[in-house]
N, C-alpha and C. Protein backbone atom coordinates (compact mmCIF):
# COMPACT_ATOMS: atom_id res chain seq x y z
N MET A 1 -42.34 -20.71 -35.29
CA MET A 1 -43.49 -19.81 -35.33
C MET A 1 -43.53 -18.88 -34.47
N GLU A 2 -43.90 -19.01 -32.89
CA GLU A 2 -43.42 -17.85 -32.28
C GLU A 2 -42.04 -16.98 -32.19
N LEU A 3 -40.92 -17.12 -32.63
CA LEU A 3 -39.86 -16.90 -32.86
C LEU A 3 -40.48 -15.67 -33.86
N ILE A 4 -40.59 -15.86 -35.25
CA ILE A 4 -41.45 -14.92 -36.17
C ILE A 4 -41.80 -13.85 -35.78
N LEU A 5 -42.84 -14.36 -34.93
CA LEU A 5 -44.13 -13.80 -34.58
C LEU A 5 -43.60 -12.45 -33.69
N ALA A 6 -42.84 -12.93 -33.00
CA ALA A 6 -41.68 -12.09 -31.85
C ALA A 6 -41.01 -11.03 -32.99
N THR A 7 -40.38 -11.61 -33.80
CA THR A 7 -39.92 -10.67 -34.38
C THR A 7 -40.43 -9.67 -35.54
N PHE A 8 -41.31 -9.99 -35.77
CA PHE A 8 -42.64 -9.20 -36.28
C PHE A 8 -43.10 -8.32 -35.73
N LEU A 9 -43.37 -8.72 -34.28
CA LEU A 9 -43.90 -7.57 -33.05
C LEU A 9 -42.91 -6.30 -33.06
N TRP A 10 -41.66 -7.17 -32.67
CA TRP A 10 -40.52 -6.37 -32.65
C TRP A 10 -40.35 -5.01 -33.58
N GLU A 11 -40.29 -5.53 -34.60
CA GLU A 11 -40.05 -4.62 -35.96
C GLU A 11 -41.61 -3.63 -35.83
N LYS A 12 -42.51 -4.22 -35.64
CA LYS A 12 -43.63 -2.89 -35.88
C LYS A 12 -43.67 -2.20 -34.63
N PHE A 13 -42.93 -2.42 -33.26
CA PHE A 13 -43.23 -1.71 -32.15
C PHE A 13 -41.94 -0.93 -32.28
N ALA A 14 -40.86 -1.34 -32.93
CA ALA A 14 -39.90 -0.17 -33.58
C ALA A 14 -39.87 0.86 -34.43
N SER A 15 -40.90 0.74 -35.38
CA SER A 15 -41.11 1.44 -36.42
C SER A 15 -41.95 2.84 -35.96
N ASN A 16 -41.97 3.66 -36.83
CA ASN A 16 -42.71 5.08 -36.60
C ASN A 16 -44.34 5.01 -36.88
N ASP A 17 -44.52 3.62 -36.74
CA ASP A 17 -46.21 3.62 -37.30
C ASP A 17 -47.13 4.21 -36.17
N THR A 18 -48.16 4.30 -36.24
CA THR A 18 -49.24 4.86 -35.53
C THR A 18 -49.43 4.04 -34.61
N LEU A 19 -49.90 4.48 -33.24
CA LEU A 19 -50.42 3.56 -32.22
C LEU A 19 -51.48 2.71 -32.70
N SER A 20 -52.35 3.27 -33.30
CA SER A 20 -53.58 2.01 -33.75
C SER A 20 -52.98 0.73 -34.76
N GLU A 21 -52.29 1.29 -35.28
CA GLU A 21 -51.26 0.18 -36.55
C GLU A 21 -50.88 -0.87 -35.63
N LYS A 22 -50.09 -0.19 -34.37
CA LYS A 22 -49.26 -1.18 -34.05
C LYS A 22 -50.24 -1.88 -32.58
N ALA A 23 -51.42 -1.14 -32.28
CA ALA A 23 -52.39 -2.17 -31.66
C ALA A 23 -52.99 -3.28 -32.73
N MET A 24 -53.42 -3.06 -33.82
CA MET A 24 -53.79 -4.03 -34.60
C MET A 24 -52.91 -5.12 -35.08
N CYS A 25 -51.72 -4.75 -34.96
CA CYS A 25 -50.81 -5.76 -35.15
C CYS A 25 -50.44 -6.81 -34.23
N LEU A 26 -50.48 -6.03 -33.13
CA LEU A 26 -50.39 -7.07 -31.76
C LEU A 26 -51.70 -8.12 -31.86
N TYR A 27 -52.93 -7.30 -32.12
CA TYR A 27 -54.17 -8.05 -31.63
C TYR A 27 -54.15 -9.31 -32.89
N TYR A 28 -53.83 -8.97 -34.13
CA TYR A 28 -53.87 -10.24 -35.12
C TYR A 28 -52.75 -11.15 -34.59
N SER A 29 -51.76 -10.59 -34.08
CA SER A 29 -50.89 -11.65 -33.72
C SER A 29 -51.08 -12.77 -32.40
N LEU A 30 -51.59 -11.97 -31.59
CA LEU A 30 -52.29 -12.60 -30.66
C LEU A 30 -53.34 -13.80 -30.93
N PHE A 31 -54.21 -13.22 -31.64
CA PHE A 31 -55.36 -14.10 -32.28
C PHE A 31 -54.94 -14.96 -33.01
N ILE A 32 -53.80 -14.80 -33.88
CA ILE A 32 -53.48 -16.23 -34.91
C ILE A 32 -52.80 -17.09 -33.93
N SER A 33 -52.09 -16.41 -32.94
CA SER A 33 -51.34 -17.36 -31.72
C SER A 33 -52.36 -18.44 -31.07
N ILE A 34 -53.56 -17.78 -30.91
CA ILE A 34 -54.51 -18.31 -29.96
C ILE A 34 -55.16 -19.40 -31.37
N ILE A 35 -55.42 -19.28 -32.07
CA ILE A 35 -56.10 -19.83 -33.47
C ILE A 35 -54.98 -21.26 -33.65
N PHE A 36 -53.81 -20.98 -33.70
CA PHE A 36 -52.86 -22.17 -33.96
C PHE A 36 -52.89 -23.08 -32.87
N TYR A 37 -52.96 -22.45 -31.70
CA TYR A 37 -53.06 -23.23 -30.48
C TYR A 37 -54.49 -23.97 -30.29
N LEU A 38 -55.59 -23.64 -30.51
CA LEU A 38 -56.81 -24.18 -30.74
C LEU A 38 -56.65 -25.42 -31.67
N LEU A 39 -56.41 -24.86 -33.14
CA LEU A 39 -56.22 -26.02 -33.73
C LEU A 39 -55.41 -27.29 -33.51
N ILE A 40 -53.88 -27.09 -32.73
CA ILE A 40 -53.53 -28.15 -32.44
C ILE A 40 -53.94 -28.80 -31.33
N LYS A 41 -54.81 -28.19 -30.36
CA LYS A 41 -55.64 -29.13 -29.29
C LYS A 41 -56.50 -29.97 -29.99
N LEU A 42 -57.63 -28.88 -30.85
CA LEU A 42 -58.47 -30.14 -31.42
C LEU A 42 -58.00 -31.13 -32.42
N ASP A 43 -57.05 -31.05 -32.89
CA ASP A 43 -56.28 -31.86 -33.66
C ASP A 43 -55.56 -33.15 -32.86
N ARG A 44 -55.07 -33.02 -31.70
CA ARG A 44 -55.07 -33.78 -30.45
C ARG A 44 -55.95 -34.63 -30.34
N ILE A 45 -56.97 -33.69 -29.85
CA ILE A 45 -58.26 -34.47 -29.38
C ILE A 45 -59.05 -35.28 -30.24
N PHE A 46 -59.09 -35.14 -31.70
CA PHE A 46 -59.31 -35.74 -32.62
C PHE A 46 -58.75 -36.92 -32.90
N PHE A 47 -57.41 -36.74 -32.84
CA PHE A 47 -56.71 -38.42 -33.21
C PHE A 47 -56.84 -39.13 -32.12
N GLY A 48 -56.89 -38.27 -30.87
CA GLY A 48 -57.15 -39.34 -29.69
C GLY A 48 -58.15 -40.42 -29.59
N LEU A 49 -59.68 -39.63 -30.20
CA LEU A 49 -60.56 -39.89 -29.95
C LEU A 49 -60.71 -41.00 -31.11
N PHE A 50 -60.21 -41.01 -32.10
CA PHE A 50 -59.96 -41.91 -33.58
C PHE A 50 -59.25 -42.95 -33.06
N ILE A 51 -57.85 -42.73 -32.23
CA ILE A 51 -57.27 -44.03 -31.84
C ILE A 51 -57.82 -44.75 -30.86
N LYS A 52 -58.77 -44.37 -30.05
CA LYS A 52 -59.07 -45.05 -29.15
C LYS A 52 -60.45 -45.82 -29.79
N ASN A 53 -61.21 -45.07 -30.60
CA ASN A 53 -62.37 -46.01 -31.28
C ASN A 53 -61.82 -46.70 -32.45
N ASN A 54 -60.59 -46.72 -32.72
CA ASN A 54 -59.75 -47.74 -33.60
C ASN A 54 -59.37 -49.48 -32.71
N GLU A 55 -59.06 -48.49 -31.43
CA GLU A 55 -58.20 -49.83 -30.49
C GLU A 55 -59.69 -50.53 -30.03
N LYS A 56 -60.93 -49.73 -29.65
CA LYS A 56 -61.86 -50.45 -29.46
C LYS A 56 -62.51 -51.70 -30.44
N LYS A 57 -62.43 -51.03 -31.87
CA LYS A 57 -62.81 -52.20 -32.71
C LYS A 57 -62.14 -53.19 -33.10
N LEU A 58 -60.63 -52.99 -32.86
CA LEU A 58 -59.68 -54.41 -32.87
C LEU A 58 -59.92 -55.21 -31.96
N LEU A 59 -60.23 -54.44 -30.77
CA LEU A 59 -60.29 -55.40 -29.61
C LEU A 59 -61.62 -56.34 -29.58
N ASN A 60 -62.89 -55.71 -30.42
CA ASN A 60 -64.19 -56.01 -30.48
C ASN A 60 -63.72 -57.60 -31.67
N LEU A 61 -62.80 -57.03 -32.78
CA LEU A 61 -62.71 -57.99 -33.73
C LEU A 61 -61.81 -59.12 -33.35
N LYS A 62 -60.98 -58.76 -32.32
CA LYS A 62 -60.18 -59.87 -31.92
C LYS A 62 -60.56 -61.10 -31.02
N ILE A 63 -61.84 -60.63 -30.00
CA ILE A 63 -62.92 -61.27 -29.23
C ILE A 63 -63.57 -62.03 -30.22
N GLY A 64 -64.14 -61.58 -31.33
CA GLY A 64 -65.00 -62.22 -32.15
C GLY A 64 -64.25 -63.21 -32.87
N LEU A 65 -63.16 -63.11 -33.31
CA LEU A 65 -62.20 -64.16 -33.94
C LEU A 65 -61.85 -65.14 -32.80
N GLU A 66 -61.75 -64.68 -31.89
CA GLU A 66 -61.18 -66.10 -30.89
C GLU A 66 -62.64 -67.08 -30.75
N LYS A 67 -64.01 -66.44 -30.89
CA LYS A 67 -65.15 -67.04 -30.56
C LYS A 67 -65.38 -67.71 -31.89
N ILE A 68 -65.23 -67.31 -33.02
CA ILE A 68 -65.15 -68.27 -34.15
C ILE A 68 -64.22 -69.61 -34.24
N PHE A 69 -62.69 -69.12 -33.79
CA PHE A 69 -61.97 -69.94 -34.07
C PHE A 69 -62.27 -71.10 -33.07
N GLU A 70 -62.94 -70.87 -31.81
CA GLU A 70 -63.36 -71.93 -30.84
C GLU A 70 -64.47 -72.73 -31.29
N GLU A 71 -65.37 -72.12 -32.00
CA GLU A 71 -66.55 -72.92 -32.62
C GLU A 71 -65.81 -73.46 -33.60
N ARG A 72 -64.85 -73.31 -34.20
CA ARG A 72 -64.50 -74.06 -35.30
C ARG A 72 -63.58 -75.29 -34.77
N LYS A 73 -63.17 -74.97 -33.98
CA LYS A 73 -62.41 -76.11 -33.16
C LYS A 73 -63.51 -77.06 -32.50
N ILE A 74 -64.39 -76.71 -32.21
CA ILE A 74 -65.32 -77.80 -31.58
C ILE A 74 -66.31 -78.52 -33.06
N GLU A 75 -66.52 -77.65 -33.89
CA GLU A 75 -66.98 -78.21 -35.19
C GLU A 75 -66.04 -79.60 -35.66
N THR A 76 -64.77 -79.01 -35.66
CA THR A 76 -63.43 -79.84 -36.24
C THR A 76 -63.33 -80.91 -35.50
N ASP A 77 -63.63 -80.89 -34.35
CA ASP A 77 -63.15 -81.87 -33.04
C ASP A 77 -61.48 -81.78 -32.89
N PHE A 78 -60.76 -80.34 -33.05
CA PHE A 78 -59.60 -80.08 -33.24
C PHE A 78 -58.66 -80.87 -32.05
N GLU A 79 -58.92 -81.05 -31.20
CA GLU A 79 -57.98 -81.92 -30.15
C GLU A 79 -58.07 -83.15 -30.75
N LYS A 80 -58.91 -83.96 -30.89
CA LYS A 80 -59.18 -85.49 -31.22
C LYS A 80 -58.33 -85.29 -32.68
N THR A 81 -58.36 -84.88 -33.66
CA THR A 81 -57.54 -84.68 -34.85
C THR A 81 -56.14 -84.61 -34.58
N LYS A 82 -55.81 -83.32 -33.52
CA LYS A 82 -54.24 -83.32 -33.33
C LYS A 82 -53.71 -84.36 -32.76
N LYS A 83 -54.56 -85.08 -31.51
CA LYS A 83 -53.95 -86.61 -31.16
C LYS A 83 -53.56 -87.12 -32.52
N LEU A 84 -54.69 -87.68 -33.20
CA LEU A 84 -54.35 -88.80 -34.40
C LEU A 84 -53.45 -88.30 -35.09
N LEU A 85 -53.41 -87.13 -35.33
CA LEU A 85 -51.79 -86.65 -36.27
C LEU A 85 -50.85 -87.00 -35.39
N GLU A 86 -50.51 -86.46 -34.23
CA GLU A 86 -49.34 -87.14 -33.63
C GLU A 86 -49.12 -88.46 -33.40
N GLU A 87 -50.40 -89.21 -33.15
CA GLU A 87 -49.93 -90.72 -32.98
C GLU A 87 -49.77 -91.30 -34.44
N TYR A 88 -50.44 -90.56 -35.81
CA TYR A 88 -49.68 -91.11 -37.11
C TYR A 88 -47.96 -90.96 -36.91
N GLU A 89 -47.90 -89.42 -36.73
CA GLU A 89 -46.39 -89.36 -36.54
C GLU A 89 -45.39 -90.14 -35.81
N ILE A 90 -45.95 -90.39 -34.78
CA ILE A 90 -45.03 -91.16 -33.82
C ILE A 90 -45.13 -93.11 -34.67
N PHE A 91 -46.13 -93.67 -35.30
CA PHE A 91 -46.31 -94.75 -36.11
C PHE A 91 -45.42 -94.44 -37.37
N LYS A 92 -45.35 -93.54 -37.72
CA LYS A 92 -44.61 -93.25 -39.34
C LYS A 92 -43.30 -93.53 -38.71
N ASN A 93 -42.92 -92.65 -38.07
CA ASN A 93 -41.22 -92.78 -37.42
C ASN A 93 -40.67 -94.09 -37.12
N LYS A 94 -41.98 -94.81 -36.39
CA LYS A 94 -41.36 -96.34 -36.35
C LYS A 94 -40.96 -96.91 -37.40
N ILE A 95 -42.16 -97.27 -38.30
CA ILE A 95 -41.92 -97.57 -39.66
C ILE A 95 -40.84 -97.59 -40.05
N THR A 96 -40.44 -96.10 -40.45
CA THR A 96 -39.66 -95.71 -41.24
C THR A 96 -38.06 -96.17 -40.52
N THR A 97 -38.04 -96.40 -39.02
CA THR A 97 -36.76 -96.65 -38.37
C THR A 97 -36.64 -98.19 -38.61
N THR A 98 -37.71 -98.55 -38.47
CA THR A 98 -37.93 -100.60 -38.68
C THR A 98 -37.52 -100.77 -40.02
N SER A 99 -38.32 -99.94 -41.27
CA SER A 99 -37.95 -100.58 -42.48
C SER A 99 -36.16 -100.29 -42.79
N THR A 100 -35.87 -99.04 -42.58
CA THR A 100 -34.31 -98.77 -42.23
C THR A 100 -33.44 -99.70 -41.92
N SER A 101 -33.58 -100.08 -40.78
CA SER A 101 -32.82 -101.24 -39.91
C SER A 101 -32.81 -102.49 -40.73
N LEU A 102 -34.18 -102.86 -41.28
CA LEU A 102 -34.16 -104.24 -41.98
C LEU A 102 -33.22 -104.08 -43.28
N TYR A 103 -33.35 -102.96 -43.91
CA TYR A 103 -32.95 -102.60 -45.32
C TYR A 103 -31.22 -102.93 -44.93
N LEU A 104 -30.81 -102.08 -44.09
CA LEU A 104 -29.31 -102.14 -43.64
C LEU A 104 -28.89 -103.51 -42.99
N SER A 105 -29.89 -104.19 -42.55
CA SER A 105 -29.41 -105.66 -42.05
C SER A 105 -29.51 -106.26 -42.89
N ARG A 106 -30.39 -106.55 -44.03
CA ARG A 106 -30.49 -107.25 -45.22
C ARG A 106 -29.33 -107.24 -46.08
N TYR A 107 -28.50 -105.73 -46.02
CA TYR A 107 -27.43 -105.88 -47.15
C TYR A 107 -26.18 -105.79 -46.50
N ASN A 108 -26.11 -105.98 -44.89
CA ASN A 108 -25.25 -105.59 -44.46
C ASN A 108 -24.23 -104.50 -44.50
N LEU A 109 -25.01 -103.62 -44.41
CA LEU A 109 -24.66 -102.01 -44.49
C LEU A 109 -24.47 -101.66 -43.05
N ASP A 110 -23.49 -100.57 -43.02
CA ASP A 110 -23.13 -99.78 -41.83
C ASP A 110 -23.55 -98.54 -41.90
N TYR A 111 -24.11 -97.97 -40.92
CA TYR A 111 -24.29 -96.69 -40.67
C TYR A 111 -22.95 -95.65 -41.07
N ASN A 112 -22.11 -96.20 -40.52
CA ASN A 112 -20.71 -95.21 -40.61
C ASN A 112 -20.15 -95.38 -42.21
N SER A 113 -20.62 -96.40 -42.89
CA SER A 113 -19.73 -96.42 -44.46
C SER A 113 -20.43 -95.84 -45.38
């Protein structure tokens, strides 16, 4: 963008136009550059605020979700249920191992055959 403006200004200064036309061209070129600069800064500020606001919302949602999760764990007695499931898995594995051994011994089977 700046290269285009510089080329345009050089062309106007090298031409045989009047001094007032050259001054107006310079004025508009500087004015447009300042407007672009301000728009870019405003855009950066706006999106910075937008991102910070969304981060704050996400943090609040995460905290709320953790509270709800802890409440549900208390309501369902999560730790006790987890312990019972682990004990059931151990019991189930013992029965499976024992029944497999009985089956193999009953029919005189070997694991390797």
